[in-house]
Amino acid sequence: MKLSEVKKHLQHLEQLDFYLPNSQKVESHFHVTEVGMITKNFIDCGGVVRNEKVVNFQLWSADDVDHRLEPKKLMHIIELSENVLGIEDLEIEVEYQAETIGKYGLDFQDNHFVLTTKQTDCLAKDNCGIPAQKPKVKLSELQAQMNSCCDPSSSCC
């Protein structure tokens, strides 16, 4: 989800709720402690120089259970970050504290924001010899190969 989509949803919300990928609700007294733009410059395992940018939200649950972050307040923080930091309309990455800081994508469903899982990936599969897709094998063909290999006349032993 891009920053512009978050802003569009905030305009219509009365209450701000976030849910984890396992459907557990983030405590109602959470704070968005940071809104920023993260730039990642790196070289992938194939030697290609890459540059990625994301808008980062950091969610934090404090001991102050009497206060809630309102949609208008988050909109103000976002607009301030756009004006002061020059934040662009990029994909959102959310940091949330579990056993360690977790990184999540962001989606919007049923009038609340949902943290989505992110996966690591090899960006240079062609250089690493990793096939784009797993080859599809029919079990009947696999069984035939196994049977022929184990045949005493196959000279595989």
C-alpha atoms as a PDB file:
ATOM      1  CA  MET A   1       0.000   0.000   0.000  1.00  0.00           C
ATOM      2  CA  LYS A   2       1.306   3.419  -0.923  1.00  0.00           C
ATOM      3  CA  LEU A   3       1.267   6.479   1.310  1.00  0.00           C
ATOM      4  CA  SER A   4      -1.449   8.154  -0.789  1.00  0.00           C
ATOM      5  CA  GLU A   5      -3.751   5.170  -0.141  1.00  0.00           C
ATOM      6  CA  VAL A   6      -3.175   5.414   3.620  1.00  0.00           C
ATOM      7  CA  LYS A   7      -4.084   9.105   3.517  1.00  0.00           C
ATOM      8  CA  LYS A   8      -7.241   8.329   1.518  1.00  0.00           C
ATOM      9  CA  HIS A   9      -8.369   5.776   4.114  1.00  0.00           C
ATOM     10  CA  LEU A  10      -7.549   8.070   7.047  1.00  0.00           C
ATOM     11  CA  GLN A  11      -9.967  10.696   5.712  1.00  0.00           C
ATOM     12  CA  HIS A  12     -12.908   8.326   6.248  1.00  0.00           C
ATOM     13  CA  LEU A  13     -11.969   6.674   9.538  1.00  0.00           C
ATOM     14  CA  GLU A  14     -13.320   7.582  12.942  1.00  0.00           C
ATOM     15  CA  GLN A  15     -11.028   5.155  14.759  1.00  0.00           C
ATOM     16  CA  LEU A  16      -7.542   3.924  13.916  1.00  0.00           C
ATOM     17  CA  ASP A  17      -6.964   0.176  14.237  1.00  0.00           C
ATOM     18  CA  PHE A  18      -4.110  -2.056  13.142  1.00  0.00           C
ATOM     19  CA  TYR A  19      -4.158  -5.853  13.035  1.00  0.00           C
ATOM     20  CA  LEU A  20      -1.241  -8.252  12.857  1.00  0.00           C
ATOM     21  CA  PRO A  21      -1.103 -10.921  10.110  1.00  0.00           C
ATOM     22  CA  ASN A  22      -2.455 -13.504  12.602  1.00  0.00           C
ATOM     23  CA  SER A  23      -5.611 -11.321  13.081  1.00  0.00           C
ATOM     24  CA  GLN A  24      -4.519 -10.190  16.550  1.00  0.00           C
ATOM     25  CA  LYS A  25      -5.362  -6.542  17.137  1.00  0.00           C
ATOM     26  CA  VAL A  26      -2.540  -4.152  17.995  1.00  0.00           C
ATOM     27  CA  GLU A  27      -3.327  -2.597  21.374  1.00  0.00           C
ATOM     28  CA  SER A  28      -5.648   0.392  21.042  1.00  0.00           C
ATOM     29  CA  HIS A  29      -3.179   2.640  22.872  1.00  0.00           C
ATOM     30  CA  PHE A  30      -0.399   2.234  20.270  1.00  0.00           C
ATOM     31  CA  HIS A  31       1.507   5.228  18.946  1.00  0.00           C
ATOM     32  CA  VAL A  32       3.061   5.826  15.548  1.00  0.00           C
ATOM     33  CA  THR A  33       6.420   6.960  16.884  1.00  0.00           C
ATOM     34  CA  GLU A  34       8.086   7.518  13.521  1.00  0.00           C
ATOM     35  CA  VAL A  35       7.109   8.345   9.963  1.00  0.00           C
ATOM     36  CA  GLY A  36      10.089   8.469   7.673  1.00  0.00           C
ATOM     37  CA  MET A  37      11.597   7.485   4.355  1.00  0.00           C
ATOM     38  CA  ILE A  38      14.159   4.707   4.331  1.00  0.00           C
ATOM     39  CA  THR A  39      16.602   4.368   1.455  1.00  0.00           C
ATOM     40  CA  LYS A  40      18.414   1.064   1.079  1.00  0.00           C
ATOM     41  CA  ASN A  41      21.433   0.938  -1.233  1.00  0.00           C
ATOM     42  CA  PHE A  42      22.818  -2.566  -1.711  1.00  0.00           C
ATOM     43  CA  ILE A  43      24.411  -5.074  -4.052  1.00  0.00           C
ATOM     44  CA  ASP A  44      22.525  -8.297  -4.622  1.00  0.00           C
ATOM     45  CA  CYS A  45      24.240 -11.694  -4.776  1.00  0.00           C
ATOM     46  CA  GLY A  46      24.523 -11.337  -8.561  1.00  0.00           C
ATOM     47  CA  GLY A  47      26.558  -8.139  -8.221  1.00  0.00           C
ATOM     48  CA  VAL A  48      23.767  -5.761  -9.285  1.00  0.00           C
ATOM     49  CA  VAL A  49      23.643  -2.439  -7.421  1.00  0.00           C
ATOM     50  CA  ARG A  50      20.122  -1.727  -6.240  1.00  0.00           C
ATOM     51  CA  ASN A  51      18.286   1.127  -4.541  1.00  0.00           C
ATOM     52  CA  GLU A  52      14.989   0.762  -2.704  1.00  0.00           C
ATOM     53  CA  LYS A  53      12.923   3.406  -0.923  1.00  0.00           C
ATOM     54  CA  VAL A  54       9.969   2.889   1.400  1.00  0.00           C
ATOM     55  CA  VAL A  55       7.943   5.039   3.742  1.00  0.00           C
ATOM     56  CA  ASN A  56       8.366   3.681   7.246  1.00  0.00           C
ATOM     57  CA  PHE A  57       5.841   3.750  10.072  1.00  0.00           C
ATOM     58  CA  GLN A  58       6.966   2.573  13.482  1.00  0.00           C
ATOM     59  CA  LEU A  59       4.166   1.323  15.755  1.00  0.00           C
ATOM     60  CA  TRP A  60       4.830   1.225  19.472  1.00  0.00           C
ATOM     61  CA  SER A  61       2.596   0.185  22.342  1.00  0.00           C
ATOM     62  CA  ALA A  62       3.245   2.206  25.448  1.00  0.00           C
ATOM     63  CA  ASP A  63       2.078   1.860  29.031  1.00  0.00           C
ATOM     64  CA  ASP A  64      -0.145   4.915  28.555  1.00  0.00           C
ATOM     65  CA  VAL A  65      -3.435   3.080  27.987  1.00  0.00           C
ATOM     66  CA  ASP A  66      -5.603   6.207  28.307  1.00  0.00           C
ATOM     67  CA  HIS A  67      -4.717   7.750  24.961  1.00  0.00           C
ATOM     68  CA  ARG A  68      -5.428   6.732  21.379  1.00  0.00           C
ATOM     69  CA  LEU A  69      -3.924   7.973  18.158  1.00  0.00           C
ATOM     70  CA  GLU A  70      -6.720   9.494  16.120  1.00  0.00           C
ATOM     71  CA  PRO A  71      -6.809   9.331  12.297  1.00  0.00           C
ATOM     72  CA  LYS A  72      -6.540  13.151  12.060  1.00  0.00           C
ATOM     73  CA  LYS A  73      -3.398  13.145  14.205  1.00  0.00           C
ATOM     74  CA  LEU A  74      -1.731  10.474  12.050  1.00  0.00           C
ATOM     75  CA  MET A  75      -2.701  12.456   8.933  1.00  0.00           C
ATOM     76  CA  HIS A  76      -1.025  15.524  10.475  1.00  0.00           C
ATOM     77  CA  ILE A  77       2.166  13.534  11.207  1.00  0.00           C
ATOM     78  CA  ILE A  78       2.213  12.210   7.619  1.00  0.00           C
ATOM     79  CA  GLU A  79       1.684  15.681   6.109  1.00  0.00           C
ATOM     80  CA  LEU A  80       4.404  17.120   8.325  1.00  0.00           C
ATOM     81  CA  SER A  81       6.813  14.377   7.238  1.00  0.00           C
ATOM     82  CA  GLU A  82       5.990  15.029   3.579  1.00  0.00           C
ATOM     83  CA  ASN A  83       6.639  18.772   3.967  1.00  0.00           C
ATOM     84  CA  VAL A  84       9.704  18.663   6.198  1.00  0.00           C
ATOM     85  CA  LEU A  85      11.404  15.464   5.007  1.00  0.00           C
ATOM     86  CA  GLY A  86      10.212  15.431   1.394  1.00  0.00           C
ATOM     87  CA  ILE A  87       8.658  11.999   1.808  1.00  0.00           C
ATOM     88  CA  GLU A  88       7.436  10.577  -1.484  1.00  0.00           C
ATOM     89  CA  ASP A  89       4.371   8.493  -2.336  1.00  0.00           C
ATOM     90  CA  LEU A  90       6.043   5.119  -1.793  1.00  0.00           C
ATOM     91  CA  GLU A  91       5.091   1.700  -0.463  1.00  0.00           C
ATOM     92  CA  ILE A  92       4.622   1.561   3.308  1.00  0.00           C
ATOM     93  CA  GLU A  93       6.749  -0.625   5.541  1.00  0.00           C
ATOM     94  CA  VAL A  94       5.647  -0.944   9.162  1.00  0.00           C
ATOM     95  CA  GLU A  95       7.967  -1.754  12.044  1.00  0.00           C
ATOM     96  CA  TYR A  96       6.323  -3.368  15.055  1.00  0.00           C
ATOM     97  CA  GLN A  97       7.911  -4.739  18.209  1.00  0.00           C
ATOM     98  CA  ALA A  98       7.478  -8.451  18.860  1.00  0.00           C
ATOM     99  CA  GLU A  99      10.386 -10.576  20.138  1.00  0.00           C
ATOM    100  CA  THR A 100      12.452  -8.252  17.943  1.00  0.00           C
ATOM    101  CA  ILE A 101      11.496  -5.499  15.534  1.00  0.00           C
ATOM    102  CA  GLY A 102       9.413  -7.027  12.764  1.00  0.00           C
ATOM    103  CA  LYS A 103       8.952  -5.516   9.314  1.00  0.00           C
ATOM    104  CA  TYR A 104       5.558  -5.744   7.660  1.00  0.00           C
ATOM    105  CA  GLY A 105       3.747  -4.543   4.578  1.00  0.00           C
ATOM    106  CA  LEU A 106       0.419  -2.745   4.958  1.00  0.00           C
ATOM    107  CA  ASP A 107      -3.065  -3.418   3.640  1.00  0.00           C
ATOM    108  CA  PHE A 108      -6.559  -2.083   4.410  1.00  0.00           C
ATOM    109  CA  GLN A 109      -9.513  -4.418   5.036  1.00  0.00           C
ATOM    110  CA  ASP A 110     -12.874  -3.961   6.732  1.00  0.00           C
ATOM    111  CA  ASN A 111     -12.148  -0.401   7.902  1.00  0.00           C
ATOM    112  CA  HIS A 112      -8.816  -1.169   9.546  1.00  0.00           C
ATOM    113  CA  PHE A 113      -5.170  -1.466   8.600  1.00  0.00           C
ATOM    114  CA  VAL A 114      -3.620  -4.910   8.426  1.00  0.00           C
ATOM    115  CA  LEU A 115       0.073  -5.642   8.743  1.00  0.00           C
ATOM    116  CA  THR A 116       1.087  -8.145   6.064  1.00  0.00           C
ATOM    117  CA  THR A 117       3.980 -10.559   6.093  1.00  0.00           C
ATOM    118  CA  LYS A 118       7.077  -9.867   4.066  1.00  0.00           C
ATOM    119  CA  GLN A 119       9.460 -12.473   2.675  1.00  0.00           C
ATOM    120  CA  THR A 120      13.120 -12.429   1.786  1.00  0.00           C
ATOM    121  CA  ASP A 121      13.999 -13.331  -1.786  1.00  0.00           C
ATOM    122  CA  CYS A 122      16.974 -13.826  -4.051  1.00  0.00           C
ATOM    123  CA  LEU A 123      16.965 -10.976  -6.563  1.00  0.00           C
ATOM    124  CA  ALA A 124      19.534 -12.621  -8.852  1.00  0.00           C
ATOM    125  CA  LYS A 125      18.070 -16.090  -9.319  1.00  0.00           C
ATOM    126  CA  ASP A 126      19.391 -16.291 -12.879  1.00  0.00           C
ATOM    127  CA  ASN A 127      22.960 -15.660 -11.619  1.00  0.00           C
ATOM    128  CA  CYS A 128      22.600 -18.143  -8.771  1.00  0.00           C
ATOM    129  CA  GLY A 129      21.246 -20.970 -10.912  1.00  0.00           C
ATOM    130  CA  ILE A 130      17.896 -20.959  -9.134  1.00  0.00           C
ATOM    131  CA  PRO A 131      15.038 -21.893 -11.471  1.00  0.00           C
ATOM    132  CA  ALA A 132      12.279 -19.306 -11.742  1.00  0.00           C
ATOM    133  CA  GLN A 133       9.681 -21.918 -10.829  1.00  0.00           C
ATOM    134  CA  LYS A 134       9.929 -25.351  -9.363  1.00  0.00           C
ATOM    135  CA  PRO A 135       9.670 -27.930 -12.126  1.00  0.00           C
ATOM    136  CA  LYS A 136       6.358 -29.762 -12.065  1.00  0.00           C
ATOM    137  CA  VAL A 137       6.764 -33.508 -11.887  1.00  0.00           C
ATOM    138  CA  LYS A 138       4.010 -36.074 -12.184  1.00  0.00           C
ATOM    139  CA  LEU A 139       4.140 -38.637  -9.430  1.00  0.00           C
ATOM    140  CA  SER A 140       3.569 -41.424 -11.956  1.00  0.00           C
ATOM    141  CA  GLU A 141       6.686 -40.338 -13.884  1.00  0.00           C
ATOM    142  CA  LEU A 142       8.699 -40.072 -10.692  1.00  0.00           C
ATOM    143  CA  GLN A 143       7.605 -43.560  -9.656  1.00  0.00           C
ATOM    144  CA  ALA A 144       8.580 -44.917 -13.096  1.00  0.00           C
ATOM    145  CA  GLN A 145      12.023 -43.298 -12.800  1.00  0.00           C
ATOM    146  CA  MET A 146      12.517 -44.726  -9.330  1.00  0.00           C
ATOM    147  CA  ASN A 147      11.447 -48.185 -10.465  1.00  0.00           C
ATOM    148  CA  SER A 148      13.722 -48.147 -13.506  1.00  0.00           C
ATOM    149  CA  CYS A 149      16.670 -46.915 -11.471  1.00  0.00           C
ATOM    150  CA  CYS A 150      16.326 -49.655  -8.925  1.00  0.00           C
ATOM    151  CA  ASP A 151      15.949 -52.387 -11.512  1.00  0.00           C
ATOM    152  CA  PRO A 152      18.932 -54.742 -11.178  1.00  0.00           C
ATOM    153  CA  SER A 153      19.362 -54.670 -14.964  1.00  0.00           C
ATOM    154  CA  SER A 154      19.535 -50.836 -15.011  1.00  0.00           C
ATOM    155  CA  SER A 155      23.245 -50.895 -14.069  1.00  0.00           C
ATOM    156  CA  CYS A 156      22.748 -47.962 -11.687  1.00  0.00           C
ATOM    157  CA  CYS A 157      24.253 -49.832  -8.750  1.00  0.00           C
END
